[in-house]
Amino acid sequence: MRDEIQRGLYYDELDEGVRYVHRPGRTLTEADNTLFTSVTMNPQGLHLDAAWAATQPFGKPLVNSMLTLATLVGLSVAHLTRGTIVANLGFAEVRFPAPVFHGDTLYGATTVRDRRLSESRPGTGIVTLEHVGTNQDDVEVARAVRTVMMWTRRGHEEER
């Protein structure tokens, strides 16, 4: 019997201009928001104080935008980078065009904007990913451009 181990895609398997749609989505709860906000030492009342948040422009607590970003990237991992990423190199153009509230479901999609072989590290490639998050009403709530270093299939096999 042959074992097939779940993994992301290698550099060689990623194509520019392809939109990788990640499912299932993730419903973000008040408990998620409270835990994440507390663990990350963020005392912002917009995330923790429902009574005060009710007096603010959105009228209710907002999901911490860093939780939204972390979940958006997390939605892509099993599909794209699980076991095939070498390093996360950075983020650019992070935006949150609409709020996320408790009970909203976040869905993600990632487009490969650019890719090239690494000049300094043989067996790897540099990939620019654009992550887009939408809610259950298909409203865009997050967008981030991320650069990662990915294994090529051959590079990963030689490294083992």
C-alpha atoms as a PDB file:
ATOM      1  CA  MET A   1       0.000   0.000   0.000  1.00  0.00           C
ATOM      2  CA  ARG A   2       1.191   3.532  -0.790  1.00  0.00           C
ATOM      3  CA  ASP A   3       0.748   6.404   1.696  1.00  0.00           C
ATOM      4  CA  GLU A   4      -0.373   9.741   0.270  1.00  0.00           C
ATOM      5  CA  ILE A   5       0.471  12.527   2.718  1.00  0.00           C
ATOM      6  CA  GLN A   6      -1.577  15.713   2.623  1.00  0.00           C
ATOM      7  CA  ARG A   7       0.548  18.717   1.738  1.00  0.00           C
ATOM      8  CA  GLY A   8       0.456  22.110   0.100  1.00  0.00           C
ATOM      9  CA  LEU A   9       1.742  22.772  -3.395  1.00  0.00           C
ATOM     10  CA  TYR A  10       5.377  23.017  -4.391  1.00  0.00           C
ATOM     11  CA  TYR A  11       6.754  26.096  -6.136  1.00  0.00           C
ATOM     12  CA  ASP A  12       6.642  24.137  -9.408  1.00  0.00           C
ATOM     13  CA  GLU A  13       2.894  23.481  -8.997  1.00  0.00           C
ATOM     14  CA  LEU A  14       1.889  27.119  -8.431  1.00  0.00           C
ATOM     15  CA  ASP A  15       0.801  29.051 -11.499  1.00  0.00           C
ATOM     16  CA  GLU A  16       0.646  32.825 -11.843  1.00  0.00           C
ATOM     17  CA  GLY A  17      -2.840  34.189 -12.291  1.00  0.00           C
ATOM     18  CA  VAL A  18      -4.565  31.140 -10.813  1.00  0.00           C
ATOM     19  CA  ARG A  19      -7.093  31.821  -8.051  1.00  0.00           C
ATOM     20  CA  TYR A  20      -7.000  29.102  -5.393  1.00  0.00           C
ATOM     21  CA  VAL A  21     -10.334  29.077  -3.527  1.00  0.00           C
ATOM     22  CA  HIS A  22     -10.091  27.781   0.043  1.00  0.00           C
ATOM     23  CA  ARG A  23     -12.962  25.942   1.701  1.00  0.00           C
ATOM     24  CA  PRO A  24     -14.432  25.462   4.200  1.00  0.00           C
ATOM     25  CA  GLY A  25     -14.717  28.976   5.590  1.00  0.00           C
ATOM     26  CA  ARG A  26     -14.400  29.810   9.281  1.00  0.00           C
ATOM     27  CA  THR A  27     -17.137  31.390  11.386  1.00  0.00           C
ATOM     28  CA  LEU A  28     -15.510  33.787  13.854  1.00  0.00           C
ATOM     29  CA  THR A  29     -17.137  33.741  17.270  1.00  0.00           C
ATOM     30  CA  GLU A  30     -17.075  36.085  20.245  1.00  0.00           C
ATOM     31  CA  ALA A  31     -14.989  33.471  22.077  1.00  0.00           C
ATOM     32  CA  ASP A  32     -12.423  33.409  19.228  1.00  0.00           C
ATOM     33  CA  ASN A  33     -12.189  37.188  19.292  1.00  0.00           C
ATOM     34  CA  THR A  34     -11.909  37.467  23.084  1.00  0.00           C
ATOM     35  CA  LEU A  35      -9.250  34.747  23.301  1.00  0.00           C
ATOM     36  CA  PHE A  36      -7.154  36.102  20.409  1.00  0.00           C
ATOM     37  CA  THR A  37      -7.402  39.689  21.628  1.00  0.00           C
ATOM     38  CA  SER A  38      -6.465  38.705  25.185  1.00  0.00           C
ATOM     39  CA  VAL A  39      -3.606  36.391  24.217  1.00  0.00           C
ATOM     40  CA  THR A  40      -2.092  39.093  21.994  1.00  0.00           C
ATOM     41  CA  MET A  41      -2.304  41.673  24.833  1.00  0.00           C
ATOM     42  CA  ASN A  42      -4.598  44.016  22.893  1.00  0.00           C
ATOM     43  CA  PRO A  43      -6.844  45.880  25.384  1.00  0.00           C
ATOM     44  CA  GLN A  44      -8.866  47.661  22.680  1.00  0.00           C
ATOM     45  CA  GLY A  45     -12.461  48.102  23.867  1.00  0.00           C
ATOM     46  CA  LEU A  46     -13.742  47.727  20.292  1.00  0.00           C
ATOM     47  CA  HIS A  47     -12.973  44.018  20.662  1.00  0.00           C
ATOM     48  CA  LEU A  48     -13.632  43.389  24.363  1.00  0.00           C
ATOM     49  CA  ASP A  49     -16.241  45.830  25.713  1.00  0.00           C
ATOM     50  CA  ALA A  50     -19.658  45.267  24.114  1.00  0.00           C
ATOM     51  CA  ALA A  51     -21.309  48.111  26.024  1.00  0.00           C
ATOM     52  CA  TRP A  52     -18.681  50.650  24.979  1.00  0.00           C
ATOM     53  CA  ALA A  53     -18.461  49.292  21.415  1.00  0.00           C
ATOM     54  CA  ALA A  54     -22.240  49.846  21.146  1.00  0.00           C
ATOM     55  CA  THR A  55     -21.585  53.606  21.481  1.00  0.00           C
ATOM     56  CA  GLN A  56     -19.054  53.591  18.637  1.00  0.00           C
ATOM     57  CA  PRO A  57     -19.710  54.021  14.875  1.00  0.00           C
ATOM     58  CA  PHE A  58     -20.271  50.297  14.125  1.00  0.00           C
ATOM     59  CA  GLY A  59     -22.600  49.867  17.107  1.00  0.00           C
ATOM     60  CA  LYS A  60     -21.168  46.547  18.249  1.00  0.00           C
ATOM     61  CA  PRO A  61     -17.817  44.812  18.843  1.00  0.00           C
ATOM     62  CA  LEU A  62     -15.492  44.282  15.895  1.00  0.00           C
ATOM     63  CA  VAL A  63     -13.467  41.138  15.334  1.00  0.00           C
ATOM     64  CA  ASN A  64      -9.797  41.984  15.862  1.00  0.00           C
ATOM     65  CA  SER A  65      -8.336  42.674  12.404  1.00  0.00           C
ATOM     66  CA  MET A  66      -5.208  40.680  13.249  1.00  0.00           C
ATOM     67  CA  LEU A  67      -7.448  37.647  13.910  1.00  0.00           C
ATOM     68  CA  THR A  68      -9.064  38.257  10.528  1.00  0.00           C
ATOM     69  CA  LEU A  69      -5.637  38.391   8.844  1.00  0.00           C
ATOM     70  CA  ALA A  70      -4.335  35.316  10.679  1.00  0.00           C
ATOM     71  CA  THR A  71      -7.467  33.344   9.787  1.00  0.00           C
ATOM     72  CA  LEU A  72      -7.307  34.444   6.152  1.00  0.00           C
ATOM     73  CA  VAL A  73      -3.734  33.184   5.846  1.00  0.00           C
ATOM     74  CA  GLY A  74      -4.620  30.069   7.837  1.00  0.00           C
ATOM     75  CA  LEU A  75      -7.405  29.206   5.397  1.00  0.00           C
ATOM     76  CA  SER A  76      -4.767  28.917   2.651  1.00  0.00           C
ATOM     77  CA  VAL A  77      -2.265  26.691   4.470  1.00  0.00           C
ATOM     78  CA  ALA A  78      -3.674  23.199   3.822  1.00  0.00           C
ATOM     79  CA  HIS A  79      -4.284  24.121   0.186  1.00  0.00           C
ATOM     80  CA  LEU A  80      -1.018  25.908  -0.635  1.00  0.00           C
ATOM     81  CA  THR A  81       1.828  25.838   1.880  1.00  0.00           C
ATOM     82  CA  ARG A  82       1.484  22.953   4.344  1.00  0.00           C
ATOM     83  CA  GLY A  83       4.871  21.246   4.355  1.00  0.00           C
ATOM     84  CA  THR A  84       6.065  23.135   1.267  1.00  0.00           C
ATOM     85  CA  ILE A  85       6.907  26.574   2.683  1.00  0.00           C
ATOM     86  CA  VAL A  86      10.421  27.438   3.816  1.00  0.00           C
ATOM     87  CA  ALA A  87       9.668  30.885   5.240  1.00  0.00           C
ATOM     88  CA  ASN A  88       7.135  33.670   5.363  1.00  0.00           C
ATOM     89  CA  LEU A  89       9.104  36.684   4.062  1.00  0.00           C
ATOM     90  CA  GLY A  90       6.653  39.510   4.661  1.00  0.00           C
ATOM     91  CA  PHE A  91       3.346  41.241   4.080  1.00  0.00           C
ATOM     92  CA  ALA A  92       2.421  44.307   2.031  1.00  0.00           C
ATOM     93  CA  GLU A  93      -0.779  46.122   1.137  1.00  0.00           C
ATOM     94  CA  VAL A  94      -2.768  44.779   4.097  1.00  0.00           C
ATOM     95  CA  ARG A  95      -6.292  46.283   4.045  1.00  0.00           C
ATOM     96  CA  PHE A  96      -9.572  45.725   5.844  1.00  0.00           C
ATOM     97  CA  PRO A  97     -12.218  47.385   3.617  1.00  0.00           C
ATOM     98  CA  ALA A  98     -15.209  46.235   5.686  1.00  0.00           C
ATOM     99  CA  PRO A  99     -15.684  45.161   9.305  1.00  0.00           C
ATOM    100  CA  VAL A 100     -15.973  41.599  10.582  1.00  0.00           C
ATOM    101  CA  PHE A 101     -18.442  40.982  13.412  1.00  0.00           C
ATOM    102  CA  HIS A 102     -19.011  38.046  15.760  1.00  0.00           C
ATOM    103  CA  GLY A 103     -20.805  35.302  13.816  1.00  0.00           C
ATOM    104  CA  ASP A 104     -19.476  36.325  10.402  1.00  0.00           C
ATOM    105  CA  THR A 105     -17.965  33.563   8.282  1.00  0.00           C
ATOM    106  CA  LEU A 106     -14.657  34.292   6.585  1.00  0.00           C
ATOM    107  CA  TYR A 107     -13.914  32.700   3.221  1.00  0.00           C
ATOM    108  CA  GLY A 108     -10.541  32.931   1.510  1.00  0.00           C
ATOM    109  CA  ALA A 109      -9.041  32.849  -1.941  1.00  0.00           C
ATOM    110  CA  THR A 110      -5.427  33.304  -2.983  1.00  0.00           C
ATOM    111  CA  THR A 111      -4.003  34.372  -6.317  1.00  0.00           C
ATOM    112  CA  VAL A 112      -0.370  33.846  -7.276  1.00  0.00           C
ATOM    113  CA  ARG A 113       0.768  37.296  -8.414  1.00  0.00           C
ATOM    114  CA  ASP A 114       4.370  36.460  -9.193  1.00  0.00           C
ATOM    115  CA  ARG A 115       6.957  33.742  -8.772  1.00  0.00           C
ATOM    116  CA  ARG A 116      10.653  33.309  -9.461  1.00  0.00           C
ATOM    117  CA  LEU A 117      13.398  30.929  -8.462  1.00  0.00           C
ATOM    118  CA  SER A 118      15.514  32.095  -5.535  1.00  0.00           C
ATOM    119  CA  GLU A 119      18.898  33.471  -6.511  1.00  0.00           C
ATOM    120  CA  SER A 120      20.439  32.880  -3.075  1.00  0.00           C
ATOM    121  CA  ARG A 121      18.903  29.577  -2.006  1.00  0.00           C
ATOM    122  CA  PRO A 122      18.913  26.763  -4.588  1.00  0.00           C
ATOM    123  CA  GLY A 123      15.900  24.472  -4.475  1.00  0.00           C
ATOM    124  CA  THR A 124      13.502  27.219  -3.524  1.00  0.00           C
ATOM    125  CA  GLY A 125      11.392  29.876  -5.164  1.00  0.00           C
ATOM    126  CA  ILE A 126       9.974  33.230  -4.110  1.00  0.00           C
ATOM    127  CA  VAL A 127       6.204  33.534  -4.533  1.00  0.00           C
ATOM    128  CA  THR A 128       4.002  36.590  -4.115  1.00  0.00           C
ATOM    129  CA  LEU A 129       0.495  35.655  -2.993  1.00  0.00           C
ATOM    130  CA  GLU A 130      -2.569  37.881  -2.806  1.00  0.00           C
ATOM    131  CA  HIS A 131      -5.029  36.691  -0.164  1.00  0.00           C
ATOM    132  CA  VAL A 132      -8.605  37.991  -0.312  1.00  0.00           C
ATOM    133  CA  GLY A 133     -11.136  37.388   2.427  1.00  0.00           C
ATOM    134  CA  THR A 134     -14.879  37.718   1.993  1.00  0.00           C
ATOM    135  CA  ASN A 135     -17.746  37.255   4.407  1.00  0.00           C
ATOM    136  CA  GLN A 136     -20.896  35.153   4.057  1.00  0.00           C
ATOM    137  CA  ASP A 137     -22.465  37.924   1.936  1.00  0.00           C
ATOM    138  CA  ASP A 138     -19.469  37.937  -0.448  1.00  0.00           C
ATOM    139  CA  VAL A 139     -18.333  41.342   0.854  1.00  0.00           C
ATOM    140  CA  GLU A 140     -14.560  41.778   0.811  1.00  0.00           C
ATOM    141  CA  VAL A 141     -13.352  42.215   4.395  1.00  0.00           C
ATOM    142  CA  ALA A 142      -9.587  41.682   4.047  1.00  0.00           C
ATOM    143  CA  ARG A 143      -6.846  41.742   1.443  1.00  0.00           C
ATOM    144  CA  ALA A 144      -3.141  41.127   1.924  1.00  0.00           C
ATOM    145  CA  VAL A 145      -0.159  40.589  -0.313  1.00  0.00           C
ATOM    146  CA  ARG A 146       2.354  38.121   1.147  1.00  0.00           C
ATOM    147  CA  THR A 147       5.747  36.969  -0.060  1.00  0.00           C
ATOM    148  CA  VAL A 148       6.901  33.465   0.818  1.00  0.00           C
ATOM    149  CA  MET A 149       9.831  31.186   0.076  1.00  0.00           C
ATOM    150  CA  MET A 150       8.616  27.804  -1.176  1.00  0.00           C
ATOM    151  CA  TRP A 151      10.364  24.533  -1.819  1.00  0.00           C
ATOM    152  CA  THR A 152      10.659  23.250  -5.349  1.00  0.00           C
ATOM    153  CA  ARG A 153       9.776  19.574  -5.480  1.00  0.00           C
ATOM    154  CA  ARG A 154      13.358  18.624  -6.342  1.00  0.00           C
ATOM    155  CA  GLY A 155      14.828  20.955  -3.712  1.00  0.00           C
ATOM    156  CA  HIS A 156      12.632  19.442  -1.002  1.00  0.00           C
ATOM    157  CA  GLU A 157      13.465  15.891  -2.041  1.00  0.00           C
ATOM    158  CA  GLU A 158      17.205  16.667  -2.008  1.00  0.00           C
ATOM    159  CA  GLU A 159      16.929  18.344   1.419  1.00  0.00           C
ATOM    160  CA  ARG A 160      15.456  15.199   2.988  1.00  0.00           C
END
